[in-house]
Amino acid sequence: MLGSNAWLMLAGAGLVLAGILIHRWTARYDLKDAAIESVWALALGRSTAENATALEAKLRDIQSQPTWAGKAAKTAGTAIRHVLAQIMGVVGLVFIVAGLALAAAGLFWR
């Protein structure tokens, strides 16, 4: 049978894991991270015609739409996903901090 300290540490580890998974999910839709990744790819010379940067890939995806309405819808969807990624990024950080606090409470609470 696990004591209350062990349950606090397990709950904290679960929250930290959930926060990390949320952070990984948000990185896929965050335009800020895509911009930073693109700058690094250009600075290190890894960007070629065959190997597009993250921003170039998103721009090509928008430009591949056949109509102006399709391009506008794709752009709006990208912007909405970016905003949601920013919000969920904060939620992920809160999960990580709360999980670390619970784990510390379980470890040090007597």
C-alpha atoms as a PDB file:
ATOM      1  CA  MET A   1       0.000   0.000   0.000  1.00  0.00           C
ATOM      2  CA  LEU A   2       1.378   3.383  -0.981  1.00  0.00           C
ATOM      3  CA  GLY A   3       1.409   6.218   1.517  1.00  0.00           C
ATOM      4  CA  SER A   4       0.205   9.741   0.880  1.00  0.00           C
ATOM      5  CA  ASN A   5       3.720  10.934   0.094  1.00  0.00           C
ATOM      6  CA  ALA A   6       4.101   8.347  -2.665  1.00  0.00           C
ATOM      7  CA  TRP A   7       0.718   9.311  -4.137  1.00  0.00           C
ATOM      8  CA  LEU A   8       1.707  12.984  -4.148  1.00  0.00           C
ATOM      9  CA  MET A   9       4.937  12.138  -5.954  1.00  0.00           C
ATOM     10  CA  LEU A  10       3.093   9.952  -8.492  1.00  0.00           C
ATOM     11  CA  ALA A  11       0.505  12.671  -9.112  1.00  0.00           C
ATOM     12  CA  GLY A  12       3.304  15.195  -9.546  1.00  0.00           C
ATOM     13  CA  ALA A  13       5.119  12.957 -12.012  1.00  0.00           C
ATOM     14  CA  GLY A  14       1.865  12.501 -13.949  1.00  0.00           C
ATOM     15  CA  LEU A  15       1.330  16.252 -14.162  1.00  0.00           C
ATOM     16  CA  VAL A  16       4.908  16.807 -15.308  1.00  0.00           C
ATOM     17  CA  LEU A  17       4.476  14.146 -17.998  1.00  0.00           C
ATOM     18  CA  ALA A  18       1.184  15.699 -19.137  1.00  0.00           C
ATOM     19  CA  GLY A  19       2.849  19.134 -19.284  1.00  0.00           C
ATOM     20  CA  ILE A  20       5.726  17.808 -21.382  1.00  0.00           C
ATOM     21  CA  LEU A  21       3.331  16.088 -23.788  1.00  0.00           C
ATOM     22  CA  ILE A  22       1.294  19.295 -24.133  1.00  0.00           C
ATOM     23  CA  HIS A  23       4.479  21.257 -24.795  1.00  0.00           C
ATOM     24  CA  ARG A  24       5.530  18.810 -27.522  1.00  0.00           C
ATOM     25  CA  TRP A  25       2.089  19.086 -29.150  1.00  0.00           C
ATOM     26  CA  THR A  26       2.135  22.887 -29.109  1.00  0.00           C
ATOM     27  CA  ALA A  27       5.577  23.053 -30.733  1.00  0.00           C
ATOM     28  CA  ARG A  28       4.062  21.679 -33.938  1.00  0.00           C
ATOM     29  CA  TYR A  29       1.692  24.654 -34.341  1.00  0.00           C
ATOM     30  CA  ASP A  30       3.698  27.505 -32.815  1.00  0.00           C
ATOM     31  CA  LEU A  31       4.806  29.979 -35.487  1.00  0.00           C
ATOM     32  CA  LYS A  32       7.342  31.541 -33.138  1.00  0.00           C
ATOM     33  CA  ASP A  33       9.183  28.228 -32.814  1.00  0.00           C
ATOM     34  CA  ALA A  34       8.945  27.752 -36.596  1.00  0.00           C
ATOM     35  CA  ALA A  35      10.514  31.183 -37.118  1.00  0.00           C
ATOM     36  CA  ILE A  36      13.369  30.442 -34.725  1.00  0.00           C
ATOM     37  CA  GLU A  37      13.951  27.059 -36.369  1.00  0.00           C
ATOM     38  CA  SER A  38      13.984  28.706 -39.807  1.00  0.00           C
ATOM     39  CA  VAL A  39      16.518  31.329 -38.732  1.00  0.00           C
ATOM     40  CA  TRP A  40      18.816  28.610 -37.380  1.00  0.00           C
ATOM     41  CA  ALA A  41      18.461  26.569 -40.561  1.00  0.00           C
ATOM     42  CA  LEU A  42      19.391  29.607 -42.648  1.00  0.00           C
ATOM     43  CA  ALA A  43      22.269  30.574 -40.356  1.00  0.00           C
ATOM     44  CA  LEU A  44      23.738  27.075 -40.437  1.00  0.00           C
ATOM     45  CA  GLY A  45      23.239  26.691 -44.184  1.00  0.00           C
ATOM     46  CA  ARG A  46      20.815  23.770 -43.929  1.00  0.00           C
ATOM     47  CA  SER A  47      18.140  25.375 -46.090  1.00  0.00           C
ATOM     48  CA  THR A  48      18.071  24.169 -49.695  1.00  0.00           C
ATOM     49  CA  ALA A  49      15.425  23.997 -52.397  1.00  0.00           C
ATOM     50  CA  GLU A  50      14.677  20.383 -51.433  1.00  0.00           C
ATOM     51  CA  ASN A  51      14.972  20.969 -47.666  1.00  0.00           C
ATOM     52  CA  ALA A  52      12.570  23.804 -46.851  1.00  0.00           C
ATOM     53  CA  THR A  53      12.598  25.580 -43.493  1.00  0.00           C
ATOM     54  CA  ALA A  54       9.592  25.318 -41.201  1.00  0.00           C
ATOM     55  CA  LEU A  55       8.188  28.689 -42.279  1.00  0.00           C
ATOM     56  CA  GLU A  56       8.724  27.910 -45.962  1.00  0.00           C
ATOM     57  CA  ALA A  57       6.843  24.632 -45.512  1.00  0.00           C
ATOM     58  CA  LYS A  58       3.897  26.435 -43.907  1.00  0.00           C
ATOM     59  CA  LEU A  59       3.926  29.068 -46.666  1.00  0.00           C
ATOM     60  CA  ARG A  60       4.028  26.406 -49.387  1.00  0.00           C
ATOM     61  CA  ASP A  61       1.097  24.662 -47.730  1.00  0.00           C
ATOM     62  CA  ILE A  62      -0.911  27.891 -47.866  1.00  0.00           C
ATOM     63  CA  GLN A  63       0.148  28.646 -51.455  1.00  0.00           C
ATOM     64  CA  SER A  64      -0.839  25.160 -52.587  1.00  0.00           C
ATOM     65  CA  GLN A  65      -4.505  25.993 -52.107  1.00  0.00           C
ATOM     66  CA  PRO A  66      -6.153  26.535 -55.519  1.00  0.00           C
ATOM     67  CA  THR A  67      -8.431  29.481 -54.632  1.00  0.00           C
ATOM     68  CA  TRP A  68      -8.098  32.714 -52.719  1.00  0.00           C
ATOM     69  CA  ALA A  69     -10.788  31.533 -50.327  1.00  0.00           C
ATOM     70  CA  GLY A  70      -8.818  28.339 -49.705  1.00  0.00           C
ATOM     71  CA  LYS A  71      -5.662  30.338 -49.038  1.00  0.00           C
ATOM     72  CA  ALA A  72      -7.543  32.632 -46.649  1.00  0.00           C
ATOM     73  CA  ALA A  73      -9.071  29.673 -44.822  1.00  0.00           C
ATOM     74  CA  LYS A  74      -5.685  27.940 -44.540  1.00  0.00           C
ATOM     75  CA  THR A  75      -4.078  31.160 -43.249  1.00  0.00           C
ATOM     76  CA  ALA A  76      -6.856  31.671 -40.700  1.00  0.00           C
ATOM     77  CA  GLY A  77      -6.546  28.064 -39.555  1.00  0.00           C
ATOM     78  CA  THR A  78      -2.794  28.473 -39.135  1.00  0.00           C
ATOM     79  CA  ALA A  79      -3.298  31.655 -37.101  1.00  0.00           C
ATOM     80  CA  ILE A  80      -5.956  30.046 -34.899  1.00  0.00           C
ATOM     81  CA  ARG A  81      -3.760  27.010 -34.256  1.00  0.00           C
ATOM     82  CA  HIS A  82      -0.892  29.351 -33.346  1.00  0.00           C
ATOM     83  CA  VAL A  83      -3.042  31.189 -30.779  1.00  0.00           C
ATOM     84  CA  LEU A  84      -4.295  27.905 -29.309  1.00  0.00           C
ATOM     85  CA  ALA A  85      -0.705  26.637 -29.160  1.00  0.00           C
ATOM     86  CA  GLN A  86       0.311  29.734 -27.191  1.00  0.00           C
ATOM     87  CA  ILE A  87      -2.523  29.195 -24.701  1.00  0.00           C
ATOM     88  CA  MET A  88      -1.836  25.481 -24.352  1.00  0.00           C
ATOM     89  CA  GLY A  89       1.876  26.215 -23.934  1.00  0.00           C
ATOM     90  CA  VAL A  90       1.057  28.222 -20.809  1.00  0.00           C
ATOM     91  CA  VAL A  91      -1.210  25.404 -19.591  1.00  0.00           C
ATOM     92  CA  GLY A  92       1.636  22.930 -20.122  1.00  0.00           C
ATOM     93  CA  LEU A  93       4.024  25.091 -18.103  1.00  0.00           C
ATOM     94  CA  VAL A  94       1.462  25.359 -15.292  1.00  0.00           C
ATOM     95  CA  PHE A  95       1.117  21.555 -15.300  1.00  0.00           C
ATOM     96  CA  ILE A  96       4.889  21.150 -15.084  1.00  0.00           C
ATOM     97  CA  VAL A  97       5.258  23.633 -12.205  1.00  0.00           C
ATOM     98  CA  ALA A  98       2.291  22.157 -10.316  1.00  0.00           C
ATOM     99  CA  GLY A  99       3.653  18.644 -10.850  1.00  0.00           C
ATOM    100  CA  LEU A 100       7.066  19.621  -9.548  1.00  0.00           C
ATOM    101  CA  ALA A 101       5.436  21.262  -6.514  1.00  0.00           C
ATOM    102  CA  LEU A 102       3.386  18.121  -5.796  1.00  0.00           C
ATOM    103  CA  ALA A 103       6.430  15.883  -6.181  1.00  0.00           C
ATOM    104  CA  ALA A 104       8.446  18.134  -3.846  1.00  0.00           C
ATOM    105  CA  ALA A 105       5.600  18.114  -1.326  1.00  0.00           C
ATOM    106  CA  GLY A 106       5.486  14.336  -1.450  1.00  0.00           C
ATOM    107  CA  LEU A 107       9.236  14.120  -1.021  1.00  0.00           C
ATOM    108  CA  PHE A 108       9.723  16.637   1.801  1.00  0.00           C
ATOM    109  CA  TRP A 109       6.389  16.622   3.649  1.00  0.00           C
ATOM    110  CA  ARG A 110       6.525  14.712   6.927  1.00  0.00           C
END
